């Protein structure tokens, strides 16, 4: 039982809990869209219960080049996911329109740390509800 937290590398690492609602939290850092595709493909094999995604910053040419592979990786993901975005037009759904849409999209202009905290709180609530403890 695990939660996969995929986020951008940062010179000031954001704290993440080791465990949430009885699930281990595993962090991976993905600085590019191809790295995000690889993280999502690996998640198919590790089968996390939830995936929280902070997409890498990308320009339109990167979305055009890697968007199809990223959309396929999202659609193949068996776990629900939450997307963290800095603004409404910067997220995965805005660029890709995957069939496997996010369970939630957290748009938080106050910063990455707040978006991460809110996303973790949503995942925790959903996990506790599923376990009948909420």
N, C-alpha and C. Protein backbone atom coordinates (compact mmCIF):
# COMPACT_ATOMS: atom_id res chain seq x y z
N UNK A 1 0.84 -1.17 0.00
CA UNK A 1 0.00 0.00 0.00
C UNK A 1 0.89 1.23 0.00
N UNK A 2 0.77 2.01 -1.08
CA UNK A 2 1.67 3.15 -1.20
C UNK A 2 1.02 4.28 -1.99
N UNK A 3 1.56 5.46 -1.77
CA UNK A 3 1.22 6.66 -2.53
C UNK A 3 2.48 7.09 -3.24
N UNK A 4 2.38 7.34 -4.53
CA UNK A 4 3.52 7.82 -5.31
C UNK A 4 3.36 9.31 -5.51
N UNK A 5 4.34 10.07 -5.06
CA UNK A 5 4.35 11.52 -5.21
C UNK A 5 5.43 11.86 -6.24
N UNK A 6 4.99 12.31 -7.41
CA UNK A 6 5.91 12.67 -8.49
C UNK A 6 5.96 14.19 -8.55
N UNK A 7 7.15 14.74 -8.37
CA UNK A 7 7.27 16.20 -8.41
C UNK A 7 8.55 16.64 -9.07
N UNK A 8 8.59 17.94 -9.34
CA UNK A 8 9.76 18.52 -9.97
C UNK A 8 10.89 18.62 -8.95
N UNK A 9 12.12 18.44 -9.41
CA UNK A 9 13.25 18.66 -8.50
C UNK A 9 13.28 20.13 -8.07
N UNK A 10 13.78 20.37 -6.89
CA UNK A 10 13.83 21.73 -6.38
C UNK A 10 15.10 21.93 -5.57
N UNK A 11 15.70 23.13 -5.67
CA UNK A 11 16.87 23.40 -4.84
C UNK A 11 16.50 23.42 -3.35
N UNK A 12 15.24 23.71 -3.06
CA UNK A 12 14.74 23.67 -1.69
C UNK A 12 13.72 22.55 -1.61
N UNK A 13 14.17 21.35 -1.24
CA UNK A 13 13.24 20.21 -1.23
C UNK A 13 12.04 20.45 -0.32
N UNK A 14 10.89 20.09 -0.84
CA UNK A 14 9.66 20.22 -0.06
C UNK A 14 9.50 18.99 0.82
N UNK A 15 9.12 19.19 2.06
CA UNK A 15 8.94 18.03 2.93
C UNK A 15 7.73 17.21 2.51
N UNK A 16 7.83 15.92 2.70
CA UNK A 16 6.71 15.01 2.43
C UNK A 16 6.65 14.01 3.56
N UNK A 17 5.46 13.62 3.94
CA UNK A 17 5.36 12.64 5.02
C UNK A 17 5.89 11.28 4.56
N UNK A 18 6.32 10.49 5.50
CA UNK A 18 6.80 9.14 5.20
C UNK A 18 5.62 8.21 5.02
N UNK A 19 4.52 8.53 5.72
CA UNK A 19 3.33 7.69 5.68
C UNK A 19 2.09 8.57 5.73
N UNK A 20 1.03 8.10 5.08
CA UNK A 20 -0.22 8.84 5.05
C UNK A 20 -1.36 7.83 5.05
N UNK A 21 -2.21 7.89 6.04
CA UNK A 21 -3.36 6.98 6.16
C UNK A 21 -2.93 5.52 6.07
N UNK A 22 -1.79 5.21 6.69
CA UNK A 22 -1.31 3.83 6.68
C UNK A 22 -0.62 3.40 5.39
N UNK A 23 -0.39 4.32 4.48
CA UNK A 23 0.26 4.05 3.21
C UNK A 23 1.62 4.74 3.17
N UNK A 24 2.63 4.03 2.74
CA UNK A 24 3.95 4.64 2.57
C UNK A 24 3.89 5.67 1.45
N UNK A 25 4.60 6.76 1.61
CA UNK A 25 4.69 7.79 0.57
C UNK A 25 6.07 7.69 -0.07
N UNK A 26 6.08 7.42 -1.37
CA UNK A 26 7.32 7.32 -2.14
C UNK A 26 7.41 8.53 -3.06
N UNK A 27 8.52 9.24 -3.01
CA UNK A 27 8.72 10.43 -3.85
C UNK A 27 9.65 10.11 -5.01
N UNK A 28 9.29 10.62 -6.18
CA UNK A 28 10.17 10.58 -7.34
C UNK A 28 10.21 11.97 -7.92
N UNK A 29 11.39 12.35 -8.41
CA UNK A 29 11.57 13.67 -9.00
C UNK A 29 11.71 13.52 -10.51
N UNK A 30 10.89 14.25 -11.23
CA UNK A 30 10.89 14.18 -12.69
C UNK A 30 10.96 15.60 -13.25
N UNK A 31 12.08 15.93 -13.85
CA UNK A 31 12.31 17.29 -14.31
C UNK A 31 11.82 17.55 -15.73
N UNK A 32 11.49 16.49 -16.47
CA UNK A 32 11.09 16.65 -17.87
C UNK A 32 9.85 15.82 -18.14
N UNK A 33 9.19 16.09 -19.26
CA UNK A 33 8.04 15.28 -19.65
C UNK A 33 8.44 13.82 -19.92
N UNK A 34 9.58 13.55 -20.61
CA UNK A 34 9.97 12.15 -20.78
C UNK A 34 10.22 11.44 -19.44
N UNK A 35 10.79 12.15 -18.48
CA UNK A 35 11.00 11.55 -17.16
C UNK A 35 9.66 11.26 -16.48
N UNK A 36 8.68 12.12 -16.66
CA UNK A 36 7.36 11.89 -16.11
C UNK A 36 6.71 10.66 -16.75
N UNK A 37 6.86 10.53 -18.06
CA UNK A 37 6.35 9.34 -18.76
C UNK A 37 6.97 8.08 -18.15
N UNK A 38 8.27 8.10 -17.93
CA UNK A 38 8.96 6.94 -17.36
C UNK A 38 8.47 6.65 -15.94
N UNK A 39 8.29 7.67 -15.13
CA UNK A 39 7.78 7.47 -13.76
C UNK A 39 6.39 6.84 -13.80
N UNK A 40 5.54 7.30 -14.71
CA UNK A 40 4.19 6.74 -14.81
C UNK A 40 4.21 5.31 -15.31
N UNK A 41 5.09 5.01 -16.24
CA UNK A 41 5.21 3.63 -16.71
C UNK A 41 5.67 2.70 -15.60
N UNK A 42 6.62 3.16 -14.80
CA UNK A 42 7.09 2.36 -13.66
C UNK A 42 5.98 2.17 -12.63
N UNK A 43 5.10 3.15 -12.50
CA UNK A 43 4.00 3.05 -11.54
C UNK A 43 3.04 1.92 -11.91
N UNK A 44 2.96 1.57 -13.16
CA UNK A 44 2.11 0.43 -13.55
C UNK A 44 2.61 -0.84 -12.89
N UNK A 45 3.92 -0.94 -12.67
CA UNK A 45 4.50 -2.16 -12.11
C UNK A 45 4.51 -2.15 -10.58
N UNK A 46 4.64 -0.97 -9.98
CA UNK A 46 4.67 -0.88 -8.52
C UNK A 46 3.26 -0.78 -7.93
N UNK A 47 2.29 -0.46 -8.76
CA UNK A 47 0.87 -0.42 -8.39
C UNK A 47 0.56 0.38 -7.13
N UNK A 48 0.88 1.68 -7.10
CA UNK A 48 0.52 2.50 -5.94
C UNK A 48 -1.00 2.64 -5.85
N UNK A 49 -1.49 2.96 -4.66
CA UNK A 49 -2.93 3.16 -4.47
C UNK A 49 -3.37 4.53 -4.99
N UNK A 50 -2.49 5.51 -4.92
CA UNK A 50 -2.74 6.86 -5.43
C UNK A 50 -1.44 7.39 -6.02
N UNK A 51 -1.59 8.26 -7.01
CA UNK A 51 -0.44 8.95 -7.60
C UNK A 51 -0.75 10.44 -7.56
N UNK A 52 0.20 11.21 -7.04
CA UNK A 52 0.09 12.67 -7.03
C UNK A 52 1.16 13.20 -7.97
N UNK A 53 0.75 14.04 -8.92
CA UNK A 53 1.65 14.45 -10.00
C UNK A 53 1.79 15.97 -10.05
N UNK A 54 3.03 16.42 -9.98
CA UNK A 54 3.36 17.81 -10.27
C UNK A 54 4.09 17.78 -11.60
N UNK A 55 3.41 18.12 -12.71
CA UNK A 55 4.06 18.01 -14.02
C UNK A 55 5.25 18.95 -14.17
N UNK A 56 6.20 18.52 -14.97
CA UNK A 56 7.36 19.35 -15.29
C UNK A 56 6.91 20.54 -16.13
N UNK A 57 7.62 21.64 -15.99
CA UNK A 57 7.36 22.79 -16.85
C UNK A 57 7.76 22.41 -18.26
N UNK A 58 6.93 22.78 -19.23
CA UNK A 58 7.22 22.43 -20.62
C UNK A 58 6.67 23.50 -21.55
N UNK A 59 7.35 23.66 -22.67
CA UNK A 59 6.87 24.60 -23.67
C UNK A 59 6.01 23.84 -24.69
N UNK A 60 5.32 24.55 -25.58
CA UNK A 60 4.42 23.89 -26.53
C UNK A 60 5.09 22.80 -27.38
N UNK A 61 6.35 23.01 -27.75
CA UNK A 61 7.02 21.99 -28.58
C UNK A 61 7.25 20.70 -27.79
N UNK A 62 7.52 20.82 -26.49
CA UNK A 62 7.69 19.62 -25.66
C UNK A 62 6.37 18.88 -25.49
N UNK A 63 5.28 19.63 -25.31
CA UNK A 63 3.96 18.99 -25.22
C UNK A 63 3.66 18.27 -26.53
N UNK A 64 3.97 18.90 -27.65
CA UNK A 64 3.71 18.28 -28.95
C UNK A 64 4.54 17.01 -29.14
N UNK A 65 5.79 17.05 -28.72
CA UNK A 65 6.68 15.91 -28.92
C UNK A 65 6.37 14.75 -27.96
N UNK A 66 6.05 15.05 -26.71
CA UNK A 66 5.90 14.00 -25.69
C UNK A 66 4.47 13.80 -25.21
N UNK A 67 3.55 14.62 -25.68
CA UNK A 67 2.17 14.57 -25.21
C UNK A 67 1.49 13.23 -25.44
N UNK A 68 1.68 12.64 -26.60
CA UNK A 68 1.01 11.36 -26.90
C UNK A 68 1.48 10.27 -25.94
N UNK A 69 2.79 10.17 -25.72
CA UNK A 69 3.33 9.16 -24.81
C UNK A 69 2.87 9.42 -23.38
N UNK A 70 2.80 10.67 -22.99
CA UNK A 70 2.36 11.01 -21.64
C UNK A 70 0.88 10.68 -21.45
N UNK A 71 0.08 10.99 -22.45
CA UNK A 71 -1.35 10.68 -22.39
C UNK A 71 -1.56 9.16 -22.29
N UNK A 72 -0.81 8.40 -23.07
CA UNK A 72 -0.91 6.94 -23.03
C UNK A 72 -0.49 6.41 -21.65
N UNK A 73 0.55 6.99 -21.06
CA UNK A 73 1.00 6.55 -19.74
C UNK A 73 -0.05 6.87 -18.67
N UNK A 74 -0.71 8.01 -18.78
CA UNK A 74 -1.79 8.34 -17.84
C UNK A 74 -2.97 7.39 -18.01
N UNK A 75 -3.33 7.12 -19.25
CA UNK A 75 -4.46 6.23 -19.52
C UNK A 75 -4.18 4.80 -19.05
N UNK A 76 -2.92 4.39 -19.04
CA UNK A 76 -2.56 3.04 -18.59
C UNK A 76 -2.42 2.93 -17.08
N UNK A 77 -2.42 4.05 -16.41
CA UNK A 77 -2.26 4.07 -14.95
C UNK A 77 -3.50 3.46 -14.30
N UNK A 78 -3.31 2.48 -13.43
CA UNK A 78 -4.45 1.82 -12.79
C UNK A 78 -4.93 2.57 -11.54
N UNK A 79 -4.09 3.38 -10.97
CA UNK A 79 -4.44 4.11 -9.75
C UNK A 79 -5.08 5.46 -10.09
N UNK A 80 -5.93 5.95 -9.20
CA UNK A 80 -6.40 7.33 -9.38
C UNK A 80 -5.24 8.29 -9.13
N UNK A 81 -5.33 9.46 -9.75
CA UNK A 81 -4.25 10.43 -9.55
C UNK A 81 -4.80 11.82 -9.32
N UNK A 82 -3.98 12.62 -8.66
CA UNK A 82 -4.27 14.02 -8.41
C UNK A 82 -3.16 14.82 -9.08
N UNK A 83 -3.58 15.81 -9.82
CA UNK A 83 -2.61 16.67 -10.50
C UNK A 83 -2.47 17.99 -9.76
N UNK A 84 -1.22 18.42 -9.59
CA UNK A 84 -0.92 19.71 -8.98
C UNK A 84 -0.47 20.66 -10.08
N UNK A 85 -1.11 21.83 -10.17
CA UNK A 85 -0.76 22.78 -11.22
C UNK A 85 -0.63 24.18 -10.63
N UNK A 86 0.23 24.97 -11.23
CA UNK A 86 0.43 26.35 -10.78
C UNK A 86 -0.65 27.28 -11.31
N UNK A 87 -1.26 26.90 -12.44
CA UNK A 87 -2.33 27.71 -13.02
C UNK A 87 -3.26 26.82 -13.85
N UNK A 88 -4.39 27.35 -14.24
CA UNK A 88 -5.40 26.57 -14.94
C UNK A 88 -4.94 26.01 -16.29
N UNK A 89 -4.07 26.71 -16.97
CA UNK A 89 -3.68 26.27 -18.31
C UNK A 89 -2.35 25.53 -18.35
N UNK A 90 -1.74 25.25 -17.19
CA UNK A 90 -0.44 24.60 -17.19
C UNK A 90 -0.49 23.12 -16.90
N UNK A 91 -1.66 22.56 -16.72
CA UNK A 91 -1.76 21.18 -16.29
C UNK A 91 -1.85 20.15 -17.39
N UNK A 92 -1.77 18.90 -16.98
CA UNK A 92 -1.83 17.78 -17.91
C UNK A 92 -3.15 17.75 -18.66
N UNK A 93 -4.25 17.89 -17.94
CA UNK A 93 -5.56 17.79 -18.57
C UNK A 93 -5.75 18.89 -19.62
N UNK A 94 -5.23 20.06 -19.36
CA UNK A 94 -5.36 21.17 -20.31
C UNK A 94 -4.63 20.89 -21.62
N UNK A 95 -3.53 20.13 -21.54
CA UNK A 95 -2.73 19.85 -22.73
C UNK A 95 -3.09 18.53 -23.40
N UNK A 96 -3.52 17.55 -22.60
CA UNK A 96 -3.61 16.19 -23.12
C UNK A 96 -5.02 15.63 -23.25
N UNK A 97 -5.92 15.99 -22.37
CA UNK A 97 -7.28 15.45 -22.32
C UNK A 97 -7.27 13.91 -22.27
N UNK A 98 -6.60 13.33 -21.27
CA UNK A 98 -6.54 11.87 -21.19
C UNK A 98 -7.91 11.28 -20.87
N UNK A 99 -8.12 10.03 -21.27
CA UNK A 99 -9.36 9.34 -20.92
C UNK A 99 -9.42 9.09 -19.43
N UNK A 100 -8.26 8.77 -18.84
CA UNK A 100 -8.16 8.57 -17.39
C UNK A 100 -7.87 9.94 -16.78
N UNK A 101 -8.92 10.67 -16.53
CA UNK A 101 -8.78 12.04 -16.01
C UNK A 101 -8.41 12.01 -14.53
N UNK A 102 -7.85 13.11 -14.02
CA UNK A 102 -7.48 13.14 -12.61
C UNK A 102 -8.71 13.10 -11.71
N UNK A 103 -8.54 12.50 -10.53
CA UNK A 103 -9.60 12.51 -9.52
C UNK A 103 -9.79 13.94 -9.01
N UNK A 104 -8.71 14.71 -9.04
CA UNK A 104 -8.75 16.12 -8.64
C UNK A 104 -7.58 16.83 -9.30
N UNK A 105 -7.79 18.10 -9.58
CA UNK A 105 -6.70 18.96 -10.04
C UNK A 105 -6.59 20.10 -9.03
N UNK A 106 -5.43 20.21 -8.41
CA UNK A 106 -5.20 21.23 -7.41
C UNK A 106 -4.43 22.37 -8.07
N UNK A 107 -5.09 23.50 -8.24
CA UNK A 107 -4.45 24.69 -8.79
C UNK A 107 -4.21 25.62 -7.61
N UNK A 108 -2.95 25.84 -7.31
CA UNK A 108 -2.59 26.57 -6.10
C UNK A 108 -1.54 27.63 -6.44
N UNK A 109 -1.97 28.86 -6.59
CA UNK A 109 -1.04 29.92 -6.94
C UNK A 109 -0.16 30.36 -5.77
N UNK A 110 -0.45 29.86 -4.57
CA UNK A 110 0.34 30.26 -3.40
C UNK A 110 1.64 29.48 -3.27
N UNK A 111 1.85 28.48 -4.12
CA UNK A 111 3.13 27.80 -4.11
C UNK A 111 3.04 26.29 -4.13
N UNK A 112 4.16 25.70 -4.46
CA UNK A 112 4.26 24.24 -4.59
C UNK A 112 3.98 23.53 -3.28
N UNK A 113 4.46 24.08 -2.18
CA UNK A 113 4.28 23.43 -0.88
C UNK A 113 2.79 23.34 -0.53
N UNK A 114 2.04 24.41 -0.77
CA UNK A 114 0.61 24.39 -0.49
C UNK A 114 -0.11 23.41 -1.40
N UNK A 115 0.26 23.36 -2.67
CA UNK A 115 -0.37 22.41 -3.59
C UNK A 115 -0.10 20.98 -3.17
N UNK A 116 1.10 20.72 -2.72
CA UNK A 116 1.46 19.38 -2.27
C UNK A 116 0.68 19.01 -1.01
N UNK A 117 0.61 19.91 -0.06
CA UNK A 117 -0.13 19.66 1.19
C UNK A 117 -1.60 19.38 0.90
N UNK A 118 -2.20 20.18 0.04
CA UNK A 118 -3.61 20.00 -0.29
C UNK A 118 -3.84 18.68 -1.02
N UNK A 119 -2.97 18.34 -1.94
CA UNK A 119 -3.09 17.08 -2.68
C UNK A 119 -2.96 15.89 -1.75
N UNK A 120 -2.02 15.95 -0.83
CA UNK A 120 -1.85 14.87 0.15
C UNK A 120 -3.09 14.77 1.06
N UNK A 121 -3.67 15.90 1.42
CA UNK A 121 -4.87 15.88 2.26
C UNK A 121 -6.04 15.24 1.51
N UNK A 122 -6.18 15.53 0.23
CA UNK A 122 -7.25 14.92 -0.57
C UNK A 122 -7.05 13.41 -0.66
N UNK A 123 -5.83 12.99 -0.95
CA UNK A 123 -5.54 11.55 -1.04
C UNK A 123 -5.80 10.88 0.30
N UNK A 124 -5.39 11.51 1.39
CA UNK A 124 -5.62 10.93 2.71
C UNK A 124 -7.11 10.77 2.97
N UNK A 125 -7.87 11.78 2.67
CA UNK A 125 -9.33 11.72 2.89
C UNK A 125 -9.95 10.59 2.07
N UNK A 126 -9.55 10.46 0.82
CA UNK A 126 -10.10 9.40 -0.04
C UNK A 126 -9.69 8.02 0.47
N UNK A 127 -8.45 7.87 0.93
CA UNK A 127 -8.00 6.59 1.48
C UNK A 127 -8.75 6.23 2.75
N UNK A 128 -8.93 7.20 3.63
CA UNK A 128 -9.66 6.96 4.87
C UNK A 128 -11.13 6.63 4.58
N UNK A 129 -11.72 7.32 3.62
CA UNK A 129 -13.11 7.02 3.24
C UNK A 129 -13.24 5.61 2.69
N UNK A 130 -12.28 5.21 1.88
CA UNK A 130 -12.31 3.85 1.31
C UNK A 130 -12.16 2.79 2.39
N UNK A 131 -11.43 3.14 3.45
CA UNK A 131 -11.21 2.19 4.55
C UNK A 131 -12.32 2.28 5.60
N UNK A 132 -13.27 3.21 5.39
CA UNK A 132 -14.36 3.37 6.33
C UNK A 132 -13.99 4.07 7.61
N UNK A 133 -12.92 4.87 7.57
CA UNK A 133 -12.44 5.55 8.78
C UNK A 133 -12.62 7.06 8.71
N UNK A 134 -13.29 7.56 7.71
CA UNK A 134 -13.43 9.02 7.61
C UNK A 134 -14.72 9.50 8.25
